[in-house]
Amino acid sequence: MDFAKFDQRHYPTVPVREGYGEWARTYEDTVLDLMDLRLLGRLRSVEWPRAANAIDLACGTGRIGVWLRKSGVTNLHGVDFTQAMLEGARGKGVYQRLTLADITATGLGGGSCDLATMVLADEHLADLRPVYREAARLLAPGRRFVLVGYHPFFLMMVGMPTHFDRAPGEPVAIESHVHLTSDHVAAGLGAGLRLAEMVEGLVDDDWIAAKPKWAAQRDRPVSFAMVWAKDQAAASVSTSRA
């Protein structure tokens, strides 16, 4: 769904590549670990040290790559379609390889990855199906695709898009779309994957300490993480709340 119908901020909106190219310089100053890294740490169906060969889709400035290396992932390949973001990732020194490419059609060889990740990027895709198909193609049988996203509830009910400050007091939104959980399930199943785990992050004391204006959003879901398995057998599904 087009986010415009839910938009309560009405910031000027720019295309994804343009927005992240401009945001790259200050990106890590504004994205909180509570949004994504805390959820990655809660996942129990992924054995990070066993992922000898991983691909980080929409790797951005490399925040997720740093976390993955600290968690035991040894061989890491980052992919992003914004050159300025890749330069930030290169500076982290955690990727063996970085590729400028579309995450929905990387052009990379398939069937060899132990782990694929995509963090805080799904809301910028008009259609989820291509990226799920690409992740499934890249994975070896029995391996995992981990997706962390901006919660559709927050996008719809709070009406706040992904945005950054171009200058002090000058917020700019990046083109966004709303995908229901059922959209993810349909895309994942359609790509031959099975949902192994899902966790959701709520606005809590830590969030409010970091963003006091969010006190009115307490206990509302702000982000989520899904683990998808590439295998033939139906996987058991576990869900939990923050």
Protein backbone atom coordinates (compact mmCIF):
# COMPACT_ATOMS: atom_id res chain seq x y z
CA MET A 1 0.00 0.00 0.00
CA ASP A 2 1.09 3.55 -0.68
CA PHE A 3 2.09 5.21 2.59
CA ALA A 4 0.62 8.57 1.50
CA LYS A 5 -2.86 7.70 2.77
CA PHE A 6 -1.46 7.25 6.30
CA ASP A 7 1.01 10.15 6.27
CA GLN A 8 0.53 12.51 9.22
CA ARG A 9 3.80 14.43 8.84
CA HIS A 10 3.65 15.50 5.17
CA TYR A 11 7.38 16.00 4.87
CA PRO A 12 8.86 16.59 1.41
CA THR A 13 9.52 13.11 -0.02
CA VAL A 14 12.49 11.98 -2.09
CA PRO A 15 13.25 8.72 -3.97
CA VAL A 16 15.04 5.99 -2.06
CA ARG A 17 18.46 6.20 -3.71
CA GLU A 18 18.53 9.98 -3.48
CA GLY A 19 17.38 9.97 0.13
CA TYR A 20 19.90 7.44 1.39
CA GLY A 21 22.67 9.03 -0.64
CA GLU A 22 22.06 12.26 1.22
CA TRP A 23 21.39 10.64 4.60
CA ALA A 24 24.50 8.44 4.55
CA ARG A 25 26.68 11.02 6.32
CA THR A 26 24.44 11.23 9.41
CA TYR A 27 22.59 7.89 9.22
CA GLU A 28 24.24 6.24 12.19
CA ASP A 29 23.61 9.28 14.38
CA THR A 30 19.85 8.88 13.99
CA VAL A 31 19.00 5.15 13.76
CA LEU A 32 18.70 3.58 17.21
CA ASP A 33 19.92 0.07 17.97
CA LEU A 34 16.55 -0.48 19.68
CA MET A 35 14.93 -0.57 16.25
CA ASP A 36 16.89 -3.48 14.86
CA LEU A 37 19.94 -4.75 16.78
CA ARG A 38 17.91 -5.50 19.91
CA LEU A 39 15.56 -7.66 17.85
CA LEU A 40 18.43 -9.52 16.19
CA GLY A 41 19.75 -10.32 19.65
CA ARG A 42 16.41 -11.88 20.64
CA LEU A 43 16.29 -14.38 17.78
CA ARG A 44 16.80 -17.98 18.85
CA SER A 45 16.39 -19.89 15.58
CA VAL A 46 19.60 -18.55 13.99
CA GLU A 47 23.02 -19.93 14.94
CA TRP A 48 25.06 -16.91 13.88
CA PRO A 49 28.54 -18.51 14.24
CA ARG A 50 27.50 -21.29 11.84
CA ALA A 51 26.90 -18.76 9.06
CA ALA A 52 30.29 -19.00 7.41
CA ASN A 53 29.06 -17.33 4.24
CA ALA A 54 26.52 -14.52 4.70
CA ILE A 55 25.05 -11.79 2.52
CA ASP A 56 23.79 -8.52 3.99
CA LEU A 57 21.18 -7.11 1.60
CA ALA A 58 20.68 -3.32 1.82
CA CYS A 59 23.79 -3.26 4.01
CA GLY A 60 23.81 0.54 4.20
CA THR A 61 26.66 1.96 6.25
CA GLY A 62 27.50 -1.44 7.72
CA ARG A 63 25.83 -1.26 11.15
CA ILE A 64 24.38 -4.72 10.68
CA GLY A 65 27.65 -6.07 9.33
CA VAL A 66 29.44 -4.98 12.50
CA TRP A 67 26.82 -6.76 14.62
CA LEU A 68 27.02 -9.92 12.50
CA ARG A 69 30.81 -10.08 12.79
CA LYS A 70 30.61 -9.62 16.56
CA SER A 71 28.04 -12.44 16.63
CA GLY A 72 30.39 -14.87 14.91
CA VAL A 73 29.66 -14.52 11.18
CA THR A 74 33.02 -14.90 9.45
CA ASN A 75 32.60 -14.26 5.71
CA LEU A 76 30.32 -11.33 4.95
CA HIS A 77 29.21 -9.84 1.63
CA GLY A 78 27.34 -6.51 1.62
CA VAL A 79 24.99 -5.33 -1.14
CA ASP A 80 23.43 -1.88 -1.51
CA PHE A 81 22.37 0.32 -4.42
CA THR A 82 23.60 3.59 -2.88
CA GLN A 83 27.28 4.33 -3.37
CA ALA A 84 27.51 6.71 -0.40
CA MET A 85 26.13 4.02 1.92
CA LEU A 86 28.62 1.47 0.59
CA GLU A 87 31.47 3.86 1.30
CA GLY A 88 30.36 3.94 4.92
CA ALA A 89 30.23 0.15 4.98
CA ARG A 90 33.69 -0.09 3.46
CA GLY A 91 35.05 2.02 6.28
CA LYS A 92 33.84 -0.51 8.85
CA GLY A 93 36.30 -3.14 7.60
CA VAL A 94 33.94 -6.06 8.32
CA TYR A 95 32.93 -7.04 4.78
CA GLN A 96 35.08 -9.27 2.61
CA ARG A 97 33.17 -7.99 -0.41
CA LEU A 98 30.83 -5.09 -1.22
CA THR A 99 28.63 -4.89 -4.30
CA LEU A 100 26.66 -1.99 -5.76
CA ALA A 101 23.45 -3.67 -6.92
CA ASP A 102 19.67 -3.87 -6.62
CA ILE A 103 18.81 -6.15 -3.69
CA THR A 104 15.92 -7.66 -5.66
CA ALA A 105 18.24 -8.74 -8.51
CA THR A 106 21.82 -8.86 -7.30
CA GLY A 107 23.23 -10.81 -10.21
CA LEU A 108 25.25 -12.91 -7.76
CA GLY A 109 25.58 -16.66 -7.89
CA GLY A 110 22.83 -18.55 -6.08
CA GLY A 111 22.55 -21.42 -3.64
CA SER A 112 25.70 -20.82 -1.63
CA CYS A 113 24.79 -18.52 1.28
CA ASP A 114 24.34 -19.79 4.82
CA LEU A 115 22.57 -16.60 5.85
CA ALA A 116 20.89 -13.62 4.19
CA THR A 117 19.83 -10.51 6.09
CA MET A 118 17.84 -7.44 5.16
CA VAL A 119 17.30 -4.79 7.81
CA LEU A 120 15.11 -1.66 7.68
CA ALA A 121 14.62 -1.72 3.92
CA ASP A 122 11.34 -3.49 3.20
CA GLU A 123 9.23 -0.33 3.55
CA HIS A 124 11.04 1.13 0.55
CA LEU A 125 10.01 -1.71 -1.76
CA ALA A 126 6.74 -1.36 -3.65
CA ASP A 127 6.54 -5.17 -3.98
CA LEU A 128 8.03 -7.63 -1.48
CA ARG A 129 7.97 -10.67 -3.73
CA PRO A 130 11.16 -9.98 -5.72
CA VAL A 131 13.40 -9.61 -2.66
CA TYR A 132 12.03 -12.77 -1.05
CA ARG A 133 12.64 -14.66 -4.29
CA GLU A 134 16.17 -13.27 -4.50
CA ALA A 135 16.95 -14.19 -0.89
CA ALA A 136 15.63 -17.71 -1.48
CA ARG A 137 17.75 -18.01 -4.63
CA LEU A 138 20.92 -16.93 -2.81
CA LEU A 139 20.46 -19.32 0.12
CA ALA A 140 21.70 -22.87 0.34
CA PRO A 141 19.07 -25.45 1.39
CA GLY A 142 18.35 -25.42 5.11
CA ARG A 143 19.70 -21.91 5.62
CA ARG A 144 18.06 -18.73 6.92
CA PHE A 145 16.83 -15.34 5.69
CA VAL A 146 16.49 -12.77 8.48
CA LEU A 147 14.38 -9.69 7.79
CA VAL A 148 13.96 -6.78 10.22
CA GLY A 149 11.45 -4.08 9.33
CA TYR A 150 9.65 -0.95 10.43
CA HIS A 151 6.35 -2.25 11.84
CA PRO A 152 3.32 -1.67 9.57
CA PHE A 153 1.23 -0.76 12.62
CA PHE A 154 3.54 2.15 13.40
CA LEU A 155 3.52 3.34 9.81
CA MET A 156 -0.29 3.17 9.62
CA MET A 157 -1.34 4.34 13.07
CA VAL A 158 1.37 6.88 13.85
CA GLY A 159 1.78 7.99 10.25
CA MET A 160 5.50 8.67 10.54
CA PRO A 161 7.65 7.66 7.54
CA THR A 162 11.35 6.92 7.45
CA HIS A 163 12.90 10.38 7.44
CA PHE A 164 16.05 12.37 8.17
CA ASP A 165 16.97 16.00 8.69
CA ARG A 166 18.49 17.56 5.59
CA ALA A 167 19.40 20.51 7.82
CA PRO A 168 18.39 21.39 11.39
CA GLY A 169 14.61 21.65 11.43
CA GLU A 170 14.30 20.51 7.79
CA PRO A 171 12.96 16.90 7.81
CA VAL A 172 12.78 14.95 4.57
CA ALA A 173 10.90 11.66 4.09
CA ILE A 174 12.10 8.76 1.95
CA GLU A 175 9.60 7.07 -0.35
CA SER A 176 7.79 4.42 1.70
CA HIS A 177 5.21 1.67 1.32
CA VAL A 178 3.15 -0.22 3.89
CA HIS A 179 3.32 -4.03 3.88
CA LEU A 180 1.06 -5.99 6.20
CA THR A 181 2.42 -9.03 7.99
CA SER A 182 0.25 -11.13 5.69
CA ASP A 183 2.08 -9.57 2.71
CA HIS A 184 5.37 -10.83 4.11
CA VAL A 185 3.91 -14.27 4.75
CA ALA A 186 2.53 -14.49 1.21
CA ALA A 187 5.84 -13.33 -0.31
CA GLY A 188 7.92 -15.68 1.82
CA LEU A 189 5.76 -18.73 1.21
CA GLY A 190 5.57 -17.86 -2.47
CA ALA A 191 9.37 -17.95 -2.62
CA GLY A 192 9.42 -21.44 -1.12
CA LEU A 193 10.48 -20.32 2.36
CA ARG A 194 9.01 -21.25 5.73
CA LEU A 195 8.57 -18.90 8.68
CA ALA A 196 10.66 -20.19 11.58
CA GLU A 197 10.43 -17.31 14.05
CA MET A 198 9.01 -13.83 14.52
CA VAL A 199 9.59 -11.25 17.23
CA GLU A 200 8.20 -7.74 17.64
CA GLY A 201 9.63 -4.72 19.42
CA LEU A 202 7.39 -2.38 21.39
CA VAL A 203 7.94 1.21 22.48
CA ASP A 204 9.14 0.80 26.08
CA ASP A 205 11.10 2.69 28.72
CA ASP A 206 14.31 2.49 26.68
CA TRP A 207 12.60 3.99 23.66
CA ILE A 208 11.00 6.77 25.68
CA ALA A 209 14.32 7.58 27.35
CA ALA A 210 15.81 8.03 23.90
CA LYS A 211 12.75 9.75 22.40
CA PRO A 212 10.66 11.38 25.14
CA LYS A 213 8.08 12.58 22.63
CA TRP A 214 7.21 8.94 22.00
CA ALA A 215 5.66 8.52 25.44
CA ALA A 216 2.22 8.57 23.82
CA GLN A 217 3.27 5.53 21.75
CA ARG A 218 4.15 3.32 24.73
CA ASP A 219 3.44 -0.38 24.16
CA ARG A 220 2.84 0.08 20.43
CA PRO A 221 4.85 -2.12 18.05
CA VAL A 222 7.58 -0.21 16.25
CA SER A 223 9.64 -2.92 14.51
CA PHE A 224 9.67 -6.65 13.85
CA ALA A 225 12.02 -9.45 12.86
CA MET A 226 11.24 -12.59 10.87
CA VAL A 227 13.40 -15.65 10.30
CA TRP A 228 12.68 -17.60 7.12
CA ALA A 229 14.05 -21.09 6.44
CA LYS A 230 14.83 -22.50 3.02
CA ASP A 231 13.83 -26.11 3.39
CA GLN A 232 11.17 -28.54 2.24
CA ALA A 233 9.62 -29.42 5.57
CA ALA A 234 7.14 -27.08 7.23
CA ALA A 235 8.89 -25.24 10.02
CA SER A 236 7.36 -24.60 13.37
CA VAL A 237 6.44 -21.00 13.95
CA SER A 238 7.24 -19.24 17.19
CA THR A 239 6.12 -15.72 18.02
CA SER A 240 6.89 -13.47 20.94
CA ARG A 241 6.45 -9.90 22.11
CA ALA A 242 8.88 -7.46 23.62
